[in-house]
């Protein structure tokens, strides 16, 4: 049975009282945040009183109602903890949940800011941020790619086999998804799968890949980046994959002349990435991953449209995303012709 907001508040107050050895905890302004089709995100203000005094702490709860009990390998918690320890700007993990809510959850700090790309790319308030972000994003991504995997328990992340390149692994993974979700013909995607297999870089790189490093998953203030969000697609692979994904045309939100997230030019980003300790940039590999990113986004558009068409969700957003399949097909044709 789903928890009511009042039940959730009481259970969180009891949880924080235990974990903080508090005399009392009072939660106010509990509200569910938008976004997240599978996991729930709630924000609230906690007034915690203990022997050291009283403090007000703004927190966010991330919960997975699809699972009944927490596990020791809750990946989002582990990823945020590992990334934060390596200097990546992420919300600070506050406390790991127990079985008290009947579903896995964890608490992290609330980071204020803006995530909507069109505001970040157009509003005067973020003019300074737009100038700083290409450099900041390069520096942050270099830190992500330096996060140790095994010491933090991240070796359970999806990863290519020892005898398989990251590119081959990702092509195979998404082709399986594509074959499973649609019986409809998509000639451009069929061509792209063959083309990508021919162009796949034979890299044996194995780093933490964020998997969705782009505008929309970045919390910003007027000064620039504040936190990297949405780690659900993280895996082990080629670091050039994250760069190619950031440069996919769909994530430029109309600023097509600025390939790095609609913000700036490639050279500025590459220079900042390498200066911060990122691996040597492989321009050919990035072109491959950018093309792959368009195919991957096209497959995701099919999945989201099918969710609406099959009656699993009435979301108009999902229906409209289905119309974007043609955008990715057009872009793929251009990229394959250029190469």
C-alpha atoms as a PDB file:
ATOM      1  CA  UNK A   1       0.000   0.000   0.000  1.00  0.00           C
ATOM      2  CA  UNK A   2       1.353   3.444  -0.962  1.00  0.00           C
ATOM      3  CA  UNK A   3       2.273   5.771   1.869  1.00  0.00           C
ATOM      4  CA  UNK A   4       0.207   8.915   2.336  1.00  0.00           C
ATOM      5  CA  UNK A   5       2.201  12.155   2.687  1.00  0.00           C
ATOM      6  CA  UNK A   6       1.340  12.216   6.408  1.00  0.00           C
ATOM      7  CA  UNK A   7       2.544   8.625   6.883  1.00  0.00           C
ATOM      8  CA  UNK A   8       5.719   9.416   4.952  1.00  0.00           C
ATOM      9  CA  UNK A   9       6.385  12.486   7.094  1.00  0.00           C
ATOM     10  CA  UNK A  10       6.011  10.514  10.338  1.00  0.00           C
ATOM     11  CA  UNK A  11       8.239   7.681   9.133  1.00  0.00           C
ATOM     12  CA  UNK A  12      10.935  10.084   7.953  1.00  0.00           C
ATOM     13  CA  UNK A  13      10.825  11.923  11.278  1.00  0.00           C
ATOM     14  CA  UNK A  14      11.331   8.612  13.107  1.00  0.00           C
ATOM     15  CA  UNK A  15      14.148   7.612  10.722  1.00  0.00           C
ATOM     16  CA  UNK A  16      16.012  10.911  11.173  1.00  0.00           C
ATOM     17  CA  UNK A  17      15.556  10.729  14.935  1.00  0.00           C
ATOM     18  CA  UNK A  18      17.308   7.332  14.931  1.00  0.00           C
ATOM     19  CA  UNK A  19      20.095   8.189  12.507  1.00  0.00           C
ATOM     20  CA  UNK A  20      20.897  11.567  14.092  1.00  0.00           C
ATOM     21  CA  UNK A  21      20.460  10.574  17.739  1.00  0.00           C
ATOM     22  CA  UNK A  22      18.030  13.477  17.958  1.00  0.00           C
ATOM     23  CA  UNK A  23      15.737  14.567  20.717  1.00  0.00           C
ATOM     24  CA  UNK A  24      13.152  15.512  18.139  1.00  0.00           C
ATOM     25  CA  UNK A  25      12.730  15.958  14.392  1.00  0.00           C
ATOM     26  CA  UNK A  26      10.032  18.004  12.730  1.00  0.00           C
ATOM     27  CA  UNK A  27       9.470  17.846   8.979  1.00  0.00           C
ATOM     28  CA  UNK A  28       7.676  20.589   7.088  1.00  0.00           C
ATOM     29  CA  UNK A  29       7.073  21.598   3.478  1.00  0.00           C
ATOM     30  CA  UNK A  30       7.035  17.972   2.302  1.00  0.00           C
ATOM     31  CA  UNK A  31       6.321  17.928  -1.436  1.00  0.00           C
ATOM     32  CA  UNK A  32       6.847  15.565  -4.314  1.00  0.00           C
ATOM     33  CA  UNK A  33       9.068  16.917  -7.071  1.00  0.00           C
ATOM     34  CA  UNK A  34       8.288  16.458 -10.735  1.00  0.00           C
ATOM     35  CA  UNK A  35      10.376  14.207 -12.969  1.00  0.00           C
ATOM     36  CA  UNK A  36      11.400  10.589 -12.667  1.00  0.00           C
ATOM     37  CA  UNK A  37       9.162   8.000 -14.257  1.00  0.00           C
ATOM     38  CA  UNK A  38      10.276   5.129 -12.035  1.00  0.00           C
ATOM     39  CA  UNK A  39      11.751   6.611  -8.876  1.00  0.00           C
ATOM     40  CA  UNK A  40      10.062   9.108  -6.563  1.00  0.00           C
ATOM     41  CA  UNK A  41      11.707  12.325  -5.422  1.00  0.00           C
ATOM     42  CA  UNK A  42      10.436  14.213  -2.378  1.00  0.00           C
ATOM     43  CA  UNK A  43      11.810  17.429  -0.882  1.00  0.00           C
ATOM     44  CA  UNK A  44      11.289  18.653   2.666  1.00  0.00           C
ATOM     45  CA  UNK A  45      12.712  20.791   5.460  1.00  0.00           C
ATOM     46  CA  UNK A  46      13.874  18.960   8.596  1.00  0.00           C
ATOM     47  CA  UNK A  47      14.254  20.711  11.937  1.00  0.00           C
ATOM     48  CA  UNK A  48      16.632  18.473  13.919  1.00  0.00           C
ATOM     49  CA  UNK A  49      17.185  19.036  17.639  1.00  0.00           C
ATOM     50  CA  UNK A  50      19.849  17.204  19.628  1.00  0.00           C
ATOM     51  CA  UNK A  51      22.390  17.900  22.349  1.00  0.00           C
ATOM     52  CA  UNK A  52      24.346  20.161  20.032  1.00  0.00           C
ATOM     53  CA  UNK A  53      21.393  22.437  19.448  1.00  0.00           C
ATOM     54  CA  UNK A  54      18.875  22.838  16.658  1.00  0.00           C
ATOM     55  CA  UNK A  55      19.462  23.047  12.931  1.00  0.00           C
ATOM     56  CA  UNK A  56      17.307  23.316   9.848  1.00  0.00           C
ATOM     57  CA  UNK A  57      18.296  20.984   7.019  1.00  0.00           C
ATOM     58  CA  UNK A  58      16.706  21.040   3.538  1.00  0.00           C
ATOM     59  CA  UNK A  59      16.696  17.466   2.205  1.00  0.00           C
ATOM     60  CA  UNK A  60      15.639  15.363  -0.757  1.00  0.00           C
ATOM     61  CA  UNK A  61      14.488  11.754  -0.570  1.00  0.00           C
ATOM     62  CA  UNK A  62      15.003   9.437  -3.524  1.00  0.00           C
ATOM     63  CA  UNK A  63      12.905   6.266  -3.305  1.00  0.00           C
ATOM     64  CA  UNK A  64      12.213   3.273  -5.536  1.00  0.00           C
ATOM     65  CA  UNK A  65       8.638   2.017  -4.935  1.00  0.00           C
ATOM     66  CA  UNK A  66       9.162  -0.819  -7.411  1.00  0.00           C
ATOM     67  CA  UNK A  67      11.298  -2.679  -4.860  1.00  0.00           C
ATOM     68  CA  UNK A  68      10.115  -3.775  -1.448  1.00  0.00           C
ATOM     69  CA  UNK A  69      13.387  -3.892   0.473  1.00  0.00           C
ATOM     70  CA  UNK A  70      16.715  -2.037   0.272  1.00  0.00           C
ATOM     71  CA  UNK A  71      19.818  -3.829  -0.994  1.00  0.00           C
ATOM     72  CA  UNK A  72      23.452  -3.285  -0.206  1.00  0.00           C
ATOM     73  CA  UNK A  73      24.170  -2.278  -3.800  1.00  0.00           C
ATOM     74  CA  UNK A  74      21.725   0.618  -4.274  1.00  0.00           C
ATOM     75  CA  UNK A  75      23.655   2.132  -7.146  1.00  0.00           C
ATOM     76  CA  UNK A  76      22.494   5.721  -7.144  1.00  0.00           C
ATOM     77  CA  UNK A  77      23.503   6.076  -3.506  1.00  0.00           C
ATOM     78  CA  UNK A  78      26.889   4.476  -4.180  1.00  0.00           C
ATOM     79  CA  UNK A  79      27.462   6.584  -7.298  1.00  0.00           C
ATOM     80  CA  UNK A  80      26.722   9.878  -5.555  1.00  0.00           C
ATOM     81  CA  UNK A  81      28.943   8.931  -2.636  1.00  0.00           C
ATOM     82  CA  UNK A  82      31.824   7.876  -4.901  1.00  0.00           C
ATOM     83  CA  UNK A  83      31.475  10.899  -7.178  1.00  0.00           C
ATOM     84  CA  UNK A  84      31.349  13.310  -4.252  1.00  0.00           C
ATOM     85  CA  UNK A  85      34.452  11.750  -2.720  1.00  0.00           C
ATOM     86  CA  UNK A  86      36.296  12.345  -6.005  1.00  0.00           C
ATOM     87  CA  UNK A  87      35.340  16.023  -6.165  1.00  0.00           C
ATOM     88  CA  UNK A  88      32.434  15.824  -8.591  1.00  0.00           C
ATOM     89  CA  UNK A  89      29.759  18.407  -7.688  1.00  0.00           C
ATOM     90  CA  UNK A  90      26.792  16.277  -6.631  1.00  0.00           C
ATOM     91  CA  UNK A  91      24.206  16.549  -3.860  1.00  0.00           C
ATOM     92  CA  UNK A  92      25.846  15.402  -0.630  1.00  0.00           C
ATOM     93  CA  UNK A  93      24.491  12.027   0.476  1.00  0.00           C
ATOM     94  CA  UNK A  94      22.957  12.505   3.911  1.00  0.00           C
ATOM     95  CA  UNK A  95      21.693   9.104   5.085  1.00  0.00           C
ATOM     96  CA  UNK A  96      21.024   5.681   3.627  1.00  0.00           C
ATOM     97  CA  UNK A  97      17.565   4.261   4.194  1.00  0.00           C
ATOM     98  CA  UNK A  98      16.486   1.181   6.097  1.00  0.00           C
ATOM     99  CA  UNK A  99      13.369  -0.986   5.792  1.00  0.00           C
ATOM    100  CA  UNK A 100      11.127   1.510   7.569  1.00  0.00           C
ATOM    101  CA  UNK A 101       9.430   2.792   4.403  1.00  0.00           C
ATOM    102  CA  UNK A 102       9.006  -0.637   2.834  1.00  0.00           C
ATOM    103  CA  UNK A 103      11.080   0.446  -0.162  1.00  0.00           C
ATOM    104  CA  UNK A 104      14.692   1.474  -0.808  1.00  0.00           C
ATOM    105  CA  UNK A 105      15.469   5.152  -0.256  1.00  0.00           C
ATOM    106  CA  UNK A 106      18.214   7.541   0.673  1.00  0.00           C
ATOM    107  CA  UNK A 107      18.439  11.179   1.689  1.00  0.00           C
ATOM    108  CA  UNK A 108      20.635  13.843   0.160  1.00  0.00           C
ATOM    109  CA  UNK A 109      21.004  17.580   0.439  1.00  0.00           C
ATOM    110  CA  UNK A 110      18.697  19.855  -1.523  1.00  0.00           C
ATOM    111  CA  UNK A 111      20.655  21.811  -4.139  1.00  0.00           C
ATOM    112  CA  UNK A 112      18.808  24.911  -5.298  1.00  0.00           C
ATOM    113  CA  UNK A 113      19.069  26.069  -8.882  1.00  0.00           C
ATOM    114  CA  UNK A 114      17.770  25.714 -12.427  1.00  0.00           C
ATOM    115  CA  UNK A 115      17.809  22.646 -14.680  1.00  0.00           C
ATOM    116  CA  UNK A 116      15.525  23.663 -17.579  1.00  0.00           C
ATOM    117  CA  UNK A 117      17.807  24.011 -20.641  1.00  0.00           C
ATOM    118  CA  UNK A 118      15.805  26.670 -22.455  1.00  0.00           C
ATOM    119  CA  UNK A 119      16.059  28.994 -19.460  1.00  0.00           C
ATOM    120  CA  UNK A 120      19.753  28.304 -18.991  1.00  0.00           C
ATOM    121  CA  UNK A 121      20.459  28.874 -22.685  1.00  0.00           C
ATOM    122  CA  UNK A 122      18.367  32.036 -23.106  1.00  0.00           C
ATOM    123  CA  UNK A 123      17.606  33.949 -19.909  1.00  0.00           C
ATOM    124  CA  UNK A 124      19.750  36.984 -19.088  1.00  0.00           C
ATOM    125  CA  UNK A 125      20.112  35.719 -15.512  1.00  0.00           C
ATOM    126  CA  UNK A 126      22.333  32.883 -16.770  1.00  0.00           C
ATOM    127  CA  UNK A 127      24.562  34.836 -19.171  1.00  0.00           C
ATOM    128  CA  UNK A 128      27.591  34.419 -16.889  1.00  0.00           C
ATOM    129  CA  UNK A 129      26.831  30.714 -16.472  1.00  0.00           C
ATOM    130  CA  UNK A 130      26.721  30.201 -20.245  1.00  0.00           C
ATOM    131  CA  UNK A 131      30.213  31.649 -20.553  1.00  0.00           C
ATOM    132  CA  UNK A 132      31.572  29.437 -17.764  1.00  0.00           C
ATOM    133  CA  UNK A 133      29.793  26.156 -18.452  1.00  0.00           C
ATOM    134  CA  UNK A 134      31.816  24.777 -21.407  1.00  0.00           C
ATOM    135  CA  UNK A 135      34.959  24.929 -19.268  1.00  0.00           C
ATOM    136  CA  UNK A 136      33.180  23.744 -16.114  1.00  0.00           C
ATOM    137  CA  UNK A 137      31.565  20.803 -17.885  1.00  0.00           C
ATOM    138  CA  UNK A 138      34.935  19.709 -19.261  1.00  0.00           C
ATOM    139  CA  UNK A 139      36.549  19.876 -15.814  1.00  0.00           C
ATOM    140  CA  UNK A 140      33.671  18.051 -14.120  1.00  0.00           C
ATOM    141  CA  UNK A 141      33.588  15.278 -16.710  1.00  0.00           C
ATOM    142  CA  UNK A 142      37.311  14.670 -16.233  1.00  0.00           C
ATOM    143  CA  UNK A 143      36.610  14.120 -12.516  1.00  0.00           C
ATOM    144  CA  UNK A 144      33.742  11.727 -13.271  1.00  0.00           C
ATOM    145  CA  UNK A 145      36.023   9.666 -15.487  1.00  0.00           C
ATOM    146  CA  UNK A 146      38.586   9.452 -12.671  1.00  0.00           C
ATOM    147  CA  UNK A 147      36.168   7.993 -10.085  1.00  0.00           C
ATOM    148  CA  UNK A 148      37.582   4.616  -8.923  1.00  0.00           C
ATOM    149  CA  UNK A 149      35.163   1.798  -9.643  1.00  0.00           C
ATOM    150  CA  UNK A 150      36.086  -1.196  -7.498  1.00  0.00           C
ATOM    151  CA  UNK A 151      36.825   0.565  -4.170  1.00  0.00           C
ATOM    152  CA  UNK A 152      33.321   2.034  -4.143  1.00  0.00           C
ATOM    153  CA  UNK A 153      31.433  -1.122  -5.022  1.00  0.00           C
ATOM    154  CA  UNK A 154      30.676   0.102  -8.539  1.00  0.00           C
ATOM    155  CA  UNK A 155      31.913  -3.095 -10.187  1.00  0.00           C
ATOM    156  CA  UNK A 156      28.256  -4.194 -10.388  1.00  0.00           C
ATOM    157  CA  UNK A 157      27.613  -1.541 -13.053  1.00  0.00           C
ATOM    158  CA  UNK A 158      26.939  -2.685 -16.633  1.00  0.00           C
ATOM    159  CA  UNK A 159      30.261  -3.217 -18.394  1.00  0.00           C
ATOM    160  CA  UNK A 160      31.613  -4.791 -21.586  1.00  0.00           C
ATOM    161  CA  UNK A 161      33.119  -8.251 -21.478  1.00  0.00           C
ATOM    162  CA  UNK A 162      36.905  -8.497 -21.347  1.00  0.00           C
ATOM    163  CA  UNK A 163      37.096  -9.431 -25.034  1.00  0.00           C
ATOM    164  CA  UNK A 164      34.579  -6.795 -26.162  1.00  0.00           C
ATOM    165  CA  UNK A 165      35.119  -3.097 -26.814  1.00  0.00           C
ATOM    166  CA  UNK A 166      32.811  -0.590 -25.103  1.00  0.00           C
ATOM    167  CA  UNK A 167      31.502   0.444 -28.528  1.00  0.00           C
ATOM    168  CA  UNK A 168      30.594  -3.129 -29.494  1.00  0.00           C
ATOM    169  CA  UNK A 169      28.933  -3.621 -26.114  1.00  0.00           C
ATOM    170  CA  UNK A 170      26.738  -0.519 -26.410  1.00  0.00           C
ATOM    171  CA  UNK A 171      25.743  -1.232 -30.033  1.00  0.00           C
ATOM    172  CA  UNK A 172      24.730  -4.758 -29.086  1.00  0.00           C
ATOM    173  CA  UNK A 173      22.845  -3.584 -26.010  1.00  0.00           C
ATOM    174  CA  UNK A 174      20.772  -0.996 -27.865  1.00  0.00           C
ATOM    175  CA  UNK A 175      20.162  -3.179 -30.890  1.00  0.00           C
ATOM    176  CA  UNK A 176      18.641  -5.799 -28.596  1.00  0.00           C
ATOM    177  CA  UNK A 177      16.377  -3.141 -27.109  1.00  0.00           C
ATOM    178  CA  UNK A 178      15.466  -1.848 -30.570  1.00  0.00           C
ATOM    179  CA  UNK A 179      14.546  -5.321 -31.857  1.00  0.00           C
ATOM    180  CA  UNK A 180      12.450  -5.972 -28.758  1.00  0.00           C
ATOM    181  CA  UNK A 181      10.381  -2.792 -28.725  1.00  0.00           C
ATOM    182  CA  UNK A 182       9.274  -2.239 -32.296  1.00  0.00           C
ATOM    183  CA  UNK A 183       8.137  -4.365 -35.227  1.00  0.00           C
ATOM    184  CA  UNK A 184       7.882  -1.224 -37.379  1.00  0.00           C
ATOM    185  CA  UNK A 185      10.485  -0.602 -40.083  1.00  0.00           C
ATOM    186  CA  UNK A 186      13.024   2.166 -39.508  1.00  0.00           C
ATOM    187  CA  UNK A 187      15.403   1.955 -42.483  1.00  0.00           C
ATOM    188  CA  UNK A 188      17.676   4.737 -41.202  1.00  0.00           C
ATOM    189  CA  UNK A 189      18.186   2.923 -37.909  1.00  0.00           C
ATOM    190  CA  UNK A 190      18.905  -0.347 -39.711  1.00  0.00           C
ATOM    191  CA  UNK A 191      21.522   1.432 -41.801  1.00  0.00           C
ATOM    192  CA  UNK A 192      22.939   3.165 -38.724  1.00  0.00           C
ATOM    193  CA  UNK A 193      23.425  -0.073 -36.806  1.00  0.00           C
ATOM    194  CA  UNK A 194      25.448  -1.510 -39.710  1.00  0.00           C
ATOM    195  CA  UNK A 195      27.402   1.700 -40.181  1.00  0.00           C
ATOM    196  CA  UNK A 196      28.222   1.980 -36.483  1.00  0.00           C
ATOM    197  CA  UNK A 197      29.529  -1.588 -36.384  1.00  0.00           C
ATOM    198  CA  UNK A 198      31.901  -0.706 -39.227  1.00  0.00           C
ATOM    199  CA  UNK A 199      33.035   2.527 -37.557  1.00  0.00           C
ATOM    200  CA  UNK A 200      33.285   1.282 -33.947  1.00  0.00           C
ATOM    201  CA  UNK A 201      36.527   2.398 -32.229  1.00  0.00           C
ATOM    202  CA  UNK A 202      38.566  -0.483 -30.878  1.00  0.00           C
ATOM    203  CA  UNK A 203      39.135   1.139 -27.511  1.00  0.00           C
ATOM    204  CA  UNK A 204      39.749  -0.911 -24.387  1.00  0.00           C
ATOM    205  CA  UNK A 205      39.067   2.046 -22.059  1.00  0.00           C
ATOM    206  CA  UNK A 206      37.204   1.216 -18.860  1.00  0.00           C
ATOM    207  CA  UNK A 207      36.065   4.232 -16.817  1.00  0.00           C
ATOM    208  CA  UNK A 208      32.926   5.343 -15.025  1.00  0.00           C
ATOM    209  CA  UNK A 209      30.614   6.766 -17.703  1.00  0.00           C
ATOM    210  CA  UNK A 210      27.782   8.986 -16.446  1.00  0.00           C
ATOM    211  CA  UNK A 211      25.623   7.868 -19.358  1.00  0.00           C
ATOM    212  CA  UNK A 212      23.351  10.930 -19.494  1.00  0.00           C
ATOM    213  CA  UNK A 213      25.755  13.853 -19.257  1.00  0.00           C
ATOM    214  CA  UNK A 214      23.838  16.686 -20.905  1.00  0.00           C
ATOM    215  CA  UNK A 215      21.811  19.826 -20.429  1.00  0.00           C
ATOM    216  CA  UNK A 216      18.730  18.951 -18.408  1.00  0.00           C
ATOM    217  CA  UNK A 217      20.694  16.835 -15.944  1.00  0.00           C
ATOM    218  CA  UNK A 218      22.711  19.764 -14.670  1.00  0.00           C
ATOM    219  CA  UNK A 219      21.709  21.968 -11.725  1.00  0.00           C
ATOM    220  CA  UNK A 220      22.934  25.507 -12.306  1.00  0.00           C
ATOM    221  CA  UNK A 221      22.985  28.904 -10.681  1.00  0.00           C
ATOM    222  CA  UNK A 222      23.865  32.274 -12.257  1.00  0.00           C
ATOM    223  CA  UNK A 223      27.542  31.433 -11.681  1.00  0.00           C
ATOM    224  CA  UNK A 224      27.395  28.062 -13.468  1.00  0.00           C
ATOM    225  CA  UNK A 225      27.299  24.384 -12.525  1.00  0.00           C
ATOM    226  CA  UNK A 226      26.205  23.387  -9.031  1.00  0.00           C
ATOM    227  CA  UNK A 227      25.467  19.665  -9.265  1.00  0.00           C
ATOM    228  CA  UNK A 228      25.385  16.777 -11.738  1.00  0.00           C
ATOM    229  CA  UNK A 229      22.107  14.840 -11.485  1.00  0.00           C
ATOM    230  CA  UNK A 230      20.434  11.672 -12.806  1.00  0.00           C
ATOM    231  CA  UNK A 231      23.019   8.887 -12.582  1.00  0.00           C
ATOM    232  CA  UNK A 232      20.599   6.081 -13.440  1.00  0.00           C
ATOM    233  CA  UNK A 233      22.300   5.283 -16.775  1.00  0.00           C
ATOM    234  CA  UNK A 234      25.848   5.130 -15.396  1.00  0.00           C
ATOM    235  CA  UNK A 235      28.000   2.238 -16.583  1.00  0.00           C
ATOM    236  CA  UNK A 236      31.594   1.262 -17.318  1.00  0.00           C
ATOM    237  CA  UNK A 237      32.853   2.161 -20.763  1.00  0.00           C
ATOM    238  CA  UNK A 238      34.715   4.544 -23.069  1.00  0.00           C
ATOM    239  CA  UNK A 239      35.082   8.114 -21.709  1.00  0.00           C
ATOM    240  CA  UNK A 240      34.519   9.496 -25.218  1.00  0.00           C
ATOM    241  CA  UNK A 241      30.925   8.225 -24.995  1.00  0.00           C
ATOM    242  CA  UNK A 242      29.955  10.961 -22.514  1.00  0.00           C
ATOM    243  CA  UNK A 243      31.484  13.636 -24.748  1.00  0.00           C
ATOM    244  CA  UNK A 244      29.667  12.381 -27.837  1.00  0.00           C
ATOM    245  CA  UNK A 245      26.363  12.289 -25.928  1.00  0.00           C
ATOM    246  CA  UNK A 246      26.785  15.873 -24.711  1.00  0.00           C
ATOM    247  CA  UNK A 247      27.259  16.956 -28.334  1.00  0.00           C
ATOM    248  CA  UNK A 248      24.118  15.272 -29.721  1.00  0.00           C
ATOM    249  CA  UNK A 249      22.086  17.893 -31.595  1.00  0.00           C
ATOM    250  CA  UNK A 250      18.938  17.293 -29.535  1.00  0.00           C
ATOM    251  CA  UNK A 251      20.750  18.518 -26.391  1.00  0.00           C
ATOM    252  CA  UNK A 252      21.631  21.852 -28.013  1.00  0.00           C
ATOM    253  CA  UNK A 253      17.981  22.933 -27.762  1.00  0.00           C
ATOM    254  CA  UNK A 254      18.092  25.052 -30.900  1.00  0.00           C
ATOM    255  CA  UNK A 255      21.633  26.443 -30.537  1.00  0.00           C
ATOM    256  CA  UNK A 256      22.892  24.241 -33.357  1.00  0.00           C
ATOM    257  CA  UNK A 257      26.008  26.344 -33.948  1.00  0.00           C
ATOM    258  CA  UNK A 258      27.230  25.508 -30.420  1.00  0.00           C
ATOM    259  CA  UNK A 259      27.771  21.750 -30.437  1.00  0.00           C
ATOM    260  CA  UNK A 260      28.688  21.355 -26.764  1.00  0.00           C
ATOM    261  CA  UNK A 261      25.264  21.344 -25.137  1.00  0.00           C
ATOM    262  CA  UNK A 262      24.161  24.454 -27.002  1.00  0.00           C
ATOM    263  CA  UNK A 263      26.749  26.381 -24.988  1.00  0.00           C
ATOM    264  CA  UNK A 264      30.054  26.513 -26.829  1.00  0.00           C
ATOM    265  CA  UNK A 265      32.588  25.044 -29.196  1.00  0.00           C
ATOM    266  CA  UNK A 266      34.320  21.699 -28.994  1.00  0.00           C
ATOM    267  CA  UNK A 267      37.906  22.976 -28.666  1.00  0.00           C
ATOM    268  CA  UNK A 268      37.182  24.957 -25.486  1.00  0.00           C
ATOM    269  CA  UNK A 269      35.533  21.922 -23.891  1.00  0.00           C
ATOM    270  CA  UNK A 270      38.279  19.509 -25.021  1.00  0.00           C
ATOM    271  CA  UNK A 271      41.017  21.783 -23.649  1.00  0.00           C
ATOM    272  CA  UNK A 272      39.346  22.085 -20.244  1.00  0.00           C
ATOM    273  CA  UNK A 273      38.675  18.337 -20.099  1.00  0.00           C
ATOM    274  CA  UNK A 274      42.285  17.383 -20.789  1.00  0.00           C
ATOM    275  CA  UNK A 275      43.733  20.135 -18.568  1.00  0.00           C
ATOM    276  CA  UNK A 276      41.666  18.725 -15.677  1.00  0.00           C
ATOM    277  CA  UNK A 277      43.181  15.270 -16.143  1.00  0.00           C
ATOM    278  CA  UNK A 278      40.792  13.698 -18.631  1.00  0.00           C
ATOM    279  CA  UNK A 279      42.177  11.156 -21.131  1.00  0.00           C
ATOM    280  CA  UNK A 280      43.470  12.377 -24.470  1.00  0.00           C
ATOM    281  CA  UNK A 281      40.549  13.416 -26.630  1.00  0.00           C
ATOM    282  CA  UNK A 282      39.958  11.128 -29.616  1.00  0.00           C
ATOM    283  CA  UNK A 283      38.051  13.241 -32.134  1.00  0.00           C
ATOM    284  CA  UNK A 284      37.207  10.292 -34.399  1.00  0.00           C
ATOM    285  CA  UNK A 285      35.845   8.316 -31.460  1.00  0.00           C
ATOM    286  CA  UNK A 286      33.737  11.283 -30.365  1.00  0.00           C
ATOM    287  CA  UNK A 287      32.213  11.487 -33.854  1.00  0.00           C
ATOM    288  CA  UNK A 288      31.307   7.817 -33.566  1.00  0.00           C
ATOM    289  CA  UNK A 289      29.751   8.296 -30.125  1.00  0.00           C
ATOM    290  CA  UNK A 290      27.824  11.350 -31.280  1.00  0.00           C
ATOM    291  CA  UNK A 291      26.300   9.302 -34.091  1.00  0.00           C
ATOM    292  CA  UNK A 292      25.624   6.457 -31.687  1.00  0.00           C
ATOM    293  CA  UNK A 293      24.009   8.959 -29.301  1.00  0.00           C
ATOM    294  CA  UNK A 294      21.541  10.011 -31.980  1.00  0.00           C
ATOM    295  CA  UNK A 295      20.638   6.378 -32.620  1.00  0.00           C
ATOM    296  CA  UNK A 296      20.326   5.717 -28.897  1.00  0.00           C
ATOM    297  CA  UNK A 297      18.042   8.738 -28.465  1.00  0.00           C
ATOM    298  CA  UNK A 298      15.982   7.613 -31.448  1.00  0.00           C
ATOM    299  CA  UNK A 299      15.482   4.176 -29.864  1.00  0.00           C
ATOM    300  CA  UNK A 300      14.505   5.879 -26.603  1.00  0.00           C
ATOM    301  CA  UNK A 301      11.965   7.989 -28.502  1.00  0.00           C
ATOM    302  CA  UNK A 302      10.428   4.788 -29.894  1.00  0.00           C
ATOM    303  CA  UNK A 303      10.174   3.320 -26.387  1.00  0.00           C
ATOM    304  CA  UNK A 304       8.541   6.423 -24.935  1.00  0.00           C
ATOM    305  CA  UNK A 305       6.085   6.758 -27.807  1.00  0.00           C
ATOM    306  CA  UNK A 306       5.184   3.074 -27.531  1.00  0.00           C
ATOM    307  CA  UNK A 307       4.409   3.559 -23.846  1.00  0.00           C
ATOM    308  CA  UNK A 308       1.759   6.069 -24.881  1.00  0.00           C
ATOM    309  CA  UNK A 309       0.489   4.216 -27.958  1.00  0.00           C
ATOM    310  CA  UNK A 310       0.076   0.939 -26.063  1.00  0.00           C
ATOM    311  CA  UNK A 311      -2.010   2.691 -23.428  1.00  0.00           C
ATOM    312  CA  UNK A 312       0.449   2.314 -20.540  1.00  0.00           C
ATOM    313  CA  UNK A 313       0.525   6.073 -19.953  1.00  0.00           C
ATOM    314  CA  UNK A 314      -1.725   8.979 -21.014  1.00  0.00           C
ATOM    315  CA  UNK A 315       1.254  11.369 -20.999  1.00  0.00           C
ATOM    316  CA  UNK A 316       1.130  13.863 -23.861  1.00  0.00           C
ATOM    317  CA  UNK A 317       4.858  14.382 -23.327  1.00  0.00           C
ATOM    318  CA  UNK A 318       5.545  10.754 -24.230  1.00  0.00           C
ATOM    319  CA  UNK A 319       3.363  11.066 -27.332  1.00  0.00           C
ATOM    320  CA  UNK A 320       5.178  14.211 -28.461  1.00  0.00           C
ATOM    321  CA  UNK A 321       8.597  12.649 -27.888  1.00  0.00           C
ATOM    322  CA  UNK A 322       7.601   9.988 -30.402  1.00  0.00           C
ATOM    323  CA  UNK A 323       7.480  12.687 -33.063  1.00  0.00           C
ATOM    324  CA  UNK A 324      11.173  13.336 -32.494  1.00  0.00           C
ATOM    325  CA  UNK A 325      12.190  10.003 -34.023  1.00  0.00           C
ATOM    326  CA  UNK A 326      12.381  11.741 -37.405  1.00  0.00           C
ATOM    327  CA  UNK A 327      14.839  14.309 -36.005  1.00  0.00           C
ATOM    328  CA  UNK A 328      17.290  11.608 -35.034  1.00  0.00           C
ATOM    329  CA  UNK A 329      16.919   9.871 -38.406  1.00  0.00           C
ATOM    330  CA  UNK A 330      17.664  13.115 -40.242  1.00  0.00           C
ATOM    331  CA  UNK A 331      20.704  13.810 -38.070  1.00  0.00           C
ATOM    332  CA  UNK A 332      22.015  10.260 -38.472  1.00  0.00           C
ATOM    333  CA  UNK A 333      21.852  10.550 -42.259  1.00  0.00           C
ATOM    334  CA  UNK A 334      23.835  13.790 -42.084  1.00  0.00           C
ATOM    335  CA  UNK A 335      26.472  12.341 -39.771  1.00  0.00           C
ATOM    336  CA  UNK A 336      26.913   9.164 -41.804  1.00  0.00           C
ATOM    337  CA  UNK A 337      27.260  11.196 -45.006  1.00  0.00           C
ATOM    338  CA  UNK A 338      29.901  13.450 -43.417  1.00  0.00           C
ATOM    339  CA  UNK A 339      31.986  10.401 -42.497  1.00  0.00           C
END
